[in-house]
C-alpha cells in the first residue's frame, strides 16, 4: 500500500461501490460448489452445513500455514466427527487431488484463450513465458498424484517409521489402517468413478468462476479488460500463488505478488494492487466465518468431553452397601424440560 499510494487505491475501491456485494456472492458460490464436490466424495455421512463449515475453516487456516495445506488437517478432523476417520481422510485426499487437477487445467486455459483471441496483446514472448511457468507449477501436483498412485497414506507411514523419534508409534495396525485409507482413495478410479467425475466437474465449474470473478473485479475497477485477458491474468496470479505458498503466511504477500504480475505485463501497479486488495477483503469475510465455525466446534467438543467425563466419574463411584434393611426413599419427580 505504501509503495502504490493510498489515494489511487482508495479511488479504485470507491469505484467498486456496491459491486463488492457481487464479488462476495461469487465467493460464497465458489464455497458452495466446492462443498458439493466434497459431498460427492464423502457421501451423505456429513451434513452439507458441516462440509461448508469445515471448508471455510480449512481455507482460513490454509492462509496462515506454509504450502497452504495446514487447514486440511482441520477439515479432516471436523468431518471425522460424523464418519469413520479413514473415510474422512480418503475423501479429503481425493478432493485435494481433484482440486489440483482442475486448477492446473484452468491455468492452461488462460494462455490458450489469449493465443486464440488476442495473441499480440502482451506479446508472444510473454505468452510463452507464462505457459512455461504454468508447466513448472504443475510439478508439485504431479508428485502428489504419483504419491496417491503408490499408496500415499501407507508411504507416509513407512517414511515416518524411519524417524527414530516416532518409530515406536508406527505399529502394524497403523500401517494397515493407512493401506485401508489408500484402498478407499483408489475406489474413486473404479467403483466410485461416477462420484469422481461429478466432483471434478463441480470443481472445474468453480475454477471457471474464478475467471469471471477476476474479470468482474477488473471491470468494476474500470480497467476495460477483455475476458481472454482476464483469463490470462488468472494464469499469472495462480502461478504466483503456487510459488508463494511455501511462505508461512499468504495474506499480504500474495497481494504483492499479484501486483508484480500486473507490472510485468505493463499494467499499472495501482490496478494490480486494487484488484488484489478488493478480493482479499472478500476472502477475509469468509475467513472470519471459517474461524468462527472452528471456534464454535471447539467449544461444543470441549463441553461434550466434559459432560462425558462427568458421566464416567459418577458411574465410577461405588454405592455403599446397606447395613440394615433398605428404606424406600421418596421418589423425586424429574425436572421439567427447559
Protein backbone atom coordinates (compact mmCIF):
# COMPACT_ATOMS: atom_id res chain seq x y z
CA UNK A 1 0.00 0.00 0.00
CA UNK A 2 2.82 2.42 0.86
CA UNK A 3 4.55 1.81 -2.48
CA UNK A 4 1.42 2.17 -4.61
CA UNK A 5 -0.08 5.11 -2.72
CA UNK A 6 -3.25 5.35 -0.69
CA UNK A 7 -5.18 7.80 -2.87
CA UNK A 8 -5.17 5.76 -6.13
CA UNK A 9 -6.20 2.61 -4.25
CA UNK A 10 -8.93 4.47 -2.35
CA UNK A 11 -10.30 5.85 -5.62
CA UNK A 12 -10.34 2.35 -7.12
CA UNK A 13 -12.16 0.90 -4.12
CA UNK A 14 -14.69 3.71 -4.30
CA UNK A 15 -15.32 2.79 -7.94
CA UNK A 16 -16.27 -0.76 -6.91
CA UNK A 17 -19.05 0.51 -4.63
CA UNK A 18 -22.00 -1.83 -4.21
CA UNK A 19 -20.40 -4.12 -6.79
CA UNK A 20 -18.47 -5.54 -3.85
CA UNK A 21 -21.62 -7.49 -2.96
CA UNK A 22 -21.37 -9.23 -6.34
CA UNK A 23 -17.83 -10.29 -5.52
CA UNK A 24 -18.92 -11.55 -2.10
CA UNK A 25 -21.68 -13.58 -3.76
CA UNK A 26 -19.06 -15.09 -6.10
CA UNK A 27 -17.05 -16.11 -3.05
CA UNK A 28 -19.99 -17.80 -1.37
CA UNK A 29 -20.99 -19.51 -4.63
CA UNK A 30 -17.48 -20.91 -5.02
CA UNK A 31 -17.56 -22.28 -1.46
CA UNK A 32 -20.93 -23.94 -2.13
CA UNK A 33 -19.77 -25.53 -5.40
CA UNK A 34 -16.57 -26.84 -3.79
CA UNK A 35 -18.64 -28.12 -0.87
CA UNK A 36 -20.87 -30.05 -3.26
CA UNK A 37 -17.75 -31.59 -4.79
CA UNK A 38 -16.57 -32.71 -1.35
CA UNK A 39 -20.06 -34.08 -0.66
CA UNK A 40 -19.64 -36.29 -3.74
CA UNK A 41 -16.56 -37.76 -2.06
CA UNK A 42 -17.91 -38.14 1.49
CA UNK A 43 -21.42 -39.24 0.62
CA UNK A 44 -24.34 -38.44 2.96
CA UNK A 45 -22.34 -39.20 6.12
CA UNK A 46 -21.81 -35.50 6.87
CA UNK A 47 -24.38 -32.74 6.56
CA UNK A 48 -23.80 -30.14 3.87
CA UNK A 49 -23.62 -27.44 6.55
CA UNK A 50 -20.74 -29.24 8.27
CA UNK A 51 -18.94 -29.70 4.94
CA UNK A 52 -19.22 -25.97 4.15
CA UNK A 53 -18.16 -25.02 7.69
CA UNK A 54 -15.18 -27.37 7.54
CA UNK A 55 -14.21 -25.95 4.15
CA UNK A 56 -14.36 -22.36 5.42
CA UNK A 57 -12.30 -23.25 8.50
CA UNK A 58 -9.78 -25.13 6.37
CA UNK A 59 -9.38 -22.19 3.96
CA UNK A 60 -8.78 -19.79 6.85
CA UNK A 61 -6.08 -21.98 8.40
CA UNK A 62 -4.52 -22.68 4.98
CA UNK A 63 -3.92 -18.94 4.55
CA UNK A 64 -1.81 -18.95 7.73
CA UNK A 65 0.29 -22.08 7.16
CA UNK A 66 3.16 -22.95 4.80
CA UNK A 67 2.22 -24.59 1.47
CA UNK A 68 -1.42 -23.74 2.24
CA UNK A 69 -2.10 -27.28 3.48
CA UNK A 70 -2.36 -26.96 7.26
CA UNK A 71 -6.09 -26.45 7.10
CA UNK A 72 -6.63 -29.88 5.56
CA UNK A 73 -5.97 -31.46 8.96
CA UNK A 74 -8.73 -29.25 10.36
CA UNK A 75 -11.10 -30.30 7.58
CA UNK A 76 -10.40 -33.99 8.20
CA UNK A 77 -10.91 -33.70 11.96
CA UNK A 78 -14.20 -31.83 11.57
CA UNK A 79 -15.51 -34.40 9.12
CA UNK A 80 -14.25 -37.34 11.21
CA UNK A 81 -16.73 -36.43 13.95
CA UNK A 82 -19.56 -37.68 11.72
CA UNK A 83 -17.88 -40.52 9.79
CA UNK A 84 -15.03 -43.00 10.15
CA UNK A 85 -11.62 -41.36 10.14
CA UNK A 86 -10.49 -43.41 7.14
CA UNK A 87 -13.46 -42.19 5.13
CA UNK A 88 -12.83 -38.56 6.06
CA UNK A 89 -9.12 -38.82 5.21
CA UNK A 90 -9.66 -40.59 1.87
CA UNK A 91 -12.41 -38.12 0.86
CA UNK A 92 -10.23 -35.09 1.57
CA UNK A 93 -7.25 -36.69 -0.19
CA UNK A 94 -9.33 -37.28 -3.31
CA UNK A 95 -10.87 -33.80 -3.12
CA UNK A 96 -7.40 -32.24 -2.97
CA UNK A 97 -6.29 -34.26 -5.98
CA UNK A 98 -9.37 -33.22 -7.97
CA UNK A 99 -8.88 -29.60 -6.91
CA UNK A 100 -5.27 -29.61 -8.07
CA UNK A 101 -6.10 -31.23 -11.42
CA UNK A 102 -8.92 -28.82 -12.26
CA UNK A 103 -6.87 -25.82 -11.12
CA UNK A 104 -3.99 -26.68 -13.44
CA UNK A 105 -6.30 -27.38 -16.37
CA UNK A 106 -7.84 -23.95 -15.81
CA UNK A 107 -4.39 -22.35 -15.59
CA UNK A 108 -3.54 -23.58 -19.09
CA UNK A 109 -6.83 -22.23 -20.44
CA UNK A 110 -5.58 -18.68 -19.88
CA UNK A 111 -2.67 -18.74 -22.37
CA UNK A 112 -4.79 -20.78 -24.77
CA UNK A 113 -7.63 -18.24 -24.73
CA UNK A 114 -5.27 -15.31 -25.27
CA UNK A 115 -3.45 -17.15 -28.09
CA UNK A 116 -6.75 -17.80 -29.88
CA UNK A 117 -8.34 -14.36 -29.48
CA UNK A 118 -5.57 -11.80 -28.97
CA UNK A 119 -2.06 -13.29 -29.22
CA UNK A 120 -0.35 -9.90 -29.63
CA UNK A 121 -1.91 -8.30 -26.54
CA UNK A 122 1.11 -8.94 -24.30
CA UNK A 123 3.48 -10.37 -26.91
CA UNK A 124 4.28 -13.94 -27.91
CA UNK A 125 7.32 -14.00 -25.62
CA UNK A 126 5.19 -13.20 -22.57
CA UNK A 127 2.62 -15.77 -23.68
CA UNK A 128 5.26 -18.49 -23.93
CA UNK A 129 6.83 -17.42 -20.64
CA UNK A 130 3.57 -17.69 -18.73
CA UNK A 131 2.88 -21.07 -20.34
CA UNK A 132 6.29 -22.34 -19.24
CA UNK A 133 5.66 -21.06 -15.71
CA UNK A 134 2.33 -22.90 -15.69
CA UNK A 135 4.12 -26.12 -16.67
CA UNK A 136 6.62 -25.74 -13.82
CA UNK A 137 3.79 -25.00 -11.38
CA UNK A 138 2.21 -28.38 -12.13
CA UNK A 139 5.20 -30.32 -10.78
CA UNK A 140 4.02 -30.44 -7.11
CA UNK A 141 0.60 -31.67 -8.20
CA UNK A 142 2.14 -34.37 -10.40
CA UNK A 143 4.18 -35.54 -7.41
CA UNK A 144 1.03 -35.58 -5.29
CA UNK A 145 -0.73 -37.72 -7.92
CA UNK A 146 2.23 -40.11 -8.08
CA UNK A 147 2.18 -40.40 -4.29
CA UNK A 148 -1.52 -41.32 -4.30
CA UNK A 149 -0.99 -43.92 -7.02
CA UNK A 150 1.75 -45.53 -4.93
CA UNK A 151 -0.45 -45.53 -1.83
CA UNK A 152 0.03 -42.12 -0.25
CA UNK A 153 -1.03 -42.86 3.31
CA UNK A 154 1.00 -46.06 3.56
CA UNK A 155 4.07 -44.38 2.05
CA UNK A 156 3.88 -41.56 4.60
CA UNK A 157 3.52 -44.02 7.49
CA UNK A 158 6.54 -46.03 6.29
CA UNK A 159 8.61 -42.86 5.94
CA UNK A 160 7.65 -41.79 9.46
CA UNK A 161 8.74 -45.23 10.66
CA UNK A 162 12.31 -44.35 9.66
CA UNK A 163 12.41 -41.40 12.05
CA UNK A 164 13.78 -42.54 15.42
CA UNK A 165 11.60 -40.16 17.45
CA UNK A 166 8.30 -41.53 16.12
CA UNK A 167 9.36 -45.06 15.16
CA UNK A 168 7.84 -46.63 18.28
CA UNK A 169 4.43 -45.17 17.43
CA UNK A 170 4.33 -46.78 13.97
CA UNK A 171 2.55 -50.06 14.64
CA UNK A 172 1.43 -52.73 12.15
CA UNK A 173 -2.16 -51.75 12.95
CA UNK A 174 -1.47 -48.13 11.94
CA UNK A 175 0.13 -49.27 8.69
CA UNK A 176 -2.88 -51.46 7.96
CA UNK A 177 -5.25 -48.53 8.53
CA UNK A 178 -3.16 -46.46 6.13
CA UNK A 179 -3.49 -49.17 3.48
CA UNK A 180 -7.24 -49.27 4.01
CA UNK A 181 -7.34 -45.50 3.50
CA UNK A 182 -5.40 -45.85 0.24
CA UNK A 183 -7.87 -48.50 -0.89
CA UNK A 184 -10.75 -46.06 -0.29
CA UNK A 185 -8.96 -43.42 -2.37
CA UNK A 186 -8.40 -45.88 -5.21
CA UNK A 187 -12.13 -46.65 -5.26
CA UNK A 188 -12.67 -43.28 -6.98
CA UNK A 189 -10.89 -44.73 -10.02
CA UNK A 190 -13.02 -47.88 -10.05
CA UNK A 191 -16.31 -48.43 -8.22
CA UNK A 192 -16.84 -44.73 -7.45
CA UNK A 193 -15.87 -43.36 -10.81
CA UNK A 194 -19.20 -41.56 -11.24
CA UNK A 195 -18.69 -39.67 -7.96
CA UNK A 196 -15.17 -38.79 -9.05
CA UNK A 197 -16.24 -37.31 -12.39
CA UNK A 198 -19.08 -35.36 -10.79
CA UNK A 199 -16.70 -33.89 -8.20
CA UNK A 200 -14.22 -32.98 -10.95
CA UNK A 201 -16.96 -31.27 -12.98
CA UNK A 202 -18.07 -29.22 -9.98
CA UNK A 203 -14.53 -28.16 -9.12
CA UNK A 204 -13.87 -27.21 -12.74
CA UNK A 205 -17.01 -25.05 -12.64
CA UNK A 206 -15.58 -23.35 -9.55
CA UNK A 207 -12.34 -22.68 -11.43
CA UNK A 208 -14.28 -21.13 -14.34
CA UNK A 209 -16.00 -18.93 -11.78
CA UNK A 210 -12.53 -17.62 -10.86
CA UNK A 211 -12.13 -16.26 -14.41
CA UNK A 212 -15.47 -14.49 -14.12
CA UNK A 213 -14.58 -13.21 -10.66
CA UNK A 214 -11.34 -11.55 -11.81
CA UNK A 215 -12.96 -10.14 -14.97
CA UNK A 216 -15.86 -8.60 -12.99
CA UNK A 217 -13.41 -7.18 -10.43
CA UNK A 218 -11.33 -5.51 -13.15
CA UNK A 219 -14.49 -4.26 -14.86
CA UNK A 220 -15.73 -2.69 -11.63
CA UNK A 221 -12.34 -1.00 -11.30
CA UNK A 222 -12.76 0.47 -14.79
CA UNK A 223 -9.86 -1.43 -16.36
CA UNK A 224 -11.69 -2.29 -19.59
CA UNK A 225 -10.11 -5.76 -19.60
CA UNK A 226 -11.46 -8.33 -22.05
CA UNK A 227 -12.42 -11.80 -20.82
CA UNK A 228 -9.47 -13.56 -22.57
CA UNK A 229 -7.12 -11.03 -20.96
CA UNK A 230 -8.68 -11.76 -17.57
CA UNK A 231 -8.18 -15.49 -18.14
CA UNK A 232 -4.52 -14.89 -18.96
CA UNK A 233 -4.11 -12.75 -15.85
CA UNK A 234 -5.61 -15.55 -13.74
CA UNK A 235 -2.86 -17.84 -15.05
CA UNK A 236 -0.21 -15.46 -13.77
CA UNK A 237 -1.98 -14.89 -10.46
CA UNK A 238 -2.39 -18.61 -9.83
CA UNK A 239 1.25 -19.37 -10.67
CA UNK A 240 2.43 -16.64 -8.29
CA UNK A 241 0.17 -18.01 -5.55
CA UNK A 242 1.61 -21.50 -6.02
CA UNK A 243 5.18 -20.20 -5.82
CA UNK A 244 4.45 -18.09 -2.73
CA UNK A 245 2.59 -20.93 -0.98
CA UNK A 246 5.88 -22.03 0.64
CA UNK A 247 5.79 -18.92 2.83
CA UNK A 248 4.27 -19.25 6.32
CA UNK A 249 1.61 -16.56 5.78
CA UNK A 250 -0.17 -15.86 2.49
CA UNK A 251 -2.12 -12.72 3.45
CA UNK A 252 -0.31 -9.61 2.23
CA UNK A 253 2.50 -11.44 0.43
CA UNK A 254 0.14 -12.85 -2.19
CA UNK A 255 -1.29 -9.42 -2.96
CA UNK A 256 2.22 -8.10 -3.53
CA UNK A 257 2.93 -10.98 -5.89
CA UNK A 258 -0.23 -10.30 -7.87
CA UNK A 259 0.72 -6.63 -8.19
CA UNK A 260 4.06 -7.73 -9.66
CA UNK A 261 2.27 -9.79 -12.31
CA UNK A 262 0.36 -6.72 -13.46
CA UNK A 263 3.55 -4.69 -13.61
CA UNK A 264 5.35 -7.39 -15.63
CA UNK A 265 2.53 -7.27 -18.17
CA UNK A 266 2.81 -3.50 -18.47
CA UNK A 267 -0.32 -2.74 -16.44
CA UNK A 268 -0.36 -0.28 -13.56
CA UNK A 269 0.63 -1.26 -10.04
CA UNK A 270 -2.45 0.57 -8.75
CA UNK A 271 -4.73 -1.70 -10.76
CA UNK A 272 -2.88 -4.85 -9.69
CA UNK A 273 -2.94 -3.98 -6.01
CA UNK A 274 -6.52 -2.70 -6.08
CA UNK A 275 -7.95 -5.88 -7.57
CA UNK A 276 -5.93 -7.99 -5.14
CA UNK A 277 -7.00 -5.86 -2.18
CA UNK A 278 -10.69 -5.96 -3.11
CA UNK A 279 -10.63 -9.73 -3.45
CA UNK A 280 -8.67 -10.02 -0.19
CA UNK A 281 -11.40 -8.10 1.67
CA UNK A 282 -13.91 -10.63 0.32
CA UNK A 283 -11.71 -13.52 1.46
CA UNK A 284 -11.33 -12.03 4.94
CA UNK A 285 -15.11 -12.18 5.37
CA UNK A 286 -15.04 -15.89 4.53
CA UNK A 287 -12.01 -16.49 6.76
CA UNK A 288 -13.71 -14.86 9.74
CA UNK A 289 -16.73 -17.10 9.19
CA UNK A 290 -14.47 -20.14 8.99
CA UNK A 291 -12.57 -19.30 12.17
CA UNK A 292 -15.89 -18.60 13.91
CA UNK A 293 -17.17 -22.04 12.91
CA UNK A 294 -13.93 -23.63 14.10
CA UNK A 295 -14.16 -21.86 17.47
CA UNK A 296 -17.78 -22.96 17.85
CA UNK A 297 -16.90 -26.58 17.15
CA UNK A 298 -14.04 -26.40 19.65
CA UNK A 299 -16.38 -25.13 22.39
CA UNK A 300 -19.04 -27.73 21.59
CA UNK A 301 -16.46 -30.51 21.56
CA UNK A 302 -14.98 -29.42 24.88
CA UNK A 303 -18.39 -29.33 26.53
CA UNK A 304 -19.20 -32.77 25.17
CA UNK A 305 -15.95 -34.17 26.57
CA UNK A 306 -16.57 -32.54 29.94
CA UNK A 307 -20.08 -33.98 30.04
CA UNK A 308 -18.81 -37.42 29.09
CA UNK A 309 -16.08 -37.20 31.75
CA UNK A 310 -18.59 -36.19 34.42
CA UNK A 311 -20.79 -39.14 33.48
CA UNK A 312 -17.89 -41.58 33.76
CA UNK A 313 -16.85 -40.15 37.14
CA UNK A 314 -20.35 -40.51 38.53
CA UNK A 315 -20.64 -44.07 37.31
CA UNK A 316 -17.27 -44.95 38.87
CA UNK A 317 -18.39 -44.04 42.45
CA UNK A 318 -19.45 -47.31 44.23
CA UNK A 319 -22.70 -47.36 46.16
CA UNK A 320 -22.44 -48.01 49.93
CA UNK A 321 -23.86 -51.40 50.93
CA UNK A 322 -26.79 -51.03 53.38
CA UNK A 323 -26.18 -52.39 56.88
CA UNK A 324 -29.85 -52.77 57.60
CA UNK A 325 -33.00 -53.35 55.72
CA UNK A 326 -33.34 -50.87 52.89
CA UNK A 327 -35.68 -47.98 53.43
CA UNK A 328 -37.66 -46.79 50.48
CA UNK A 329 -36.58 -43.29 49.57
CA UNK A 330 -39.12 -40.79 48.31
CA UNK A 331 -39.19 -40.51 44.56
CA UNK A 332 -38.41 -37.03 43.33
CA UNK A 333 -40.05 -36.25 40.03
CA UNK A 334 -37.67 -35.18 37.29
CA UNK A 335 -37.26 -31.52 36.50
CA UNK A 336 -39.41 -30.35 33.63
CA UNK A 337 -37.52 -29.92 30.36
CA UNK A 338 -36.13 -26.47 29.70
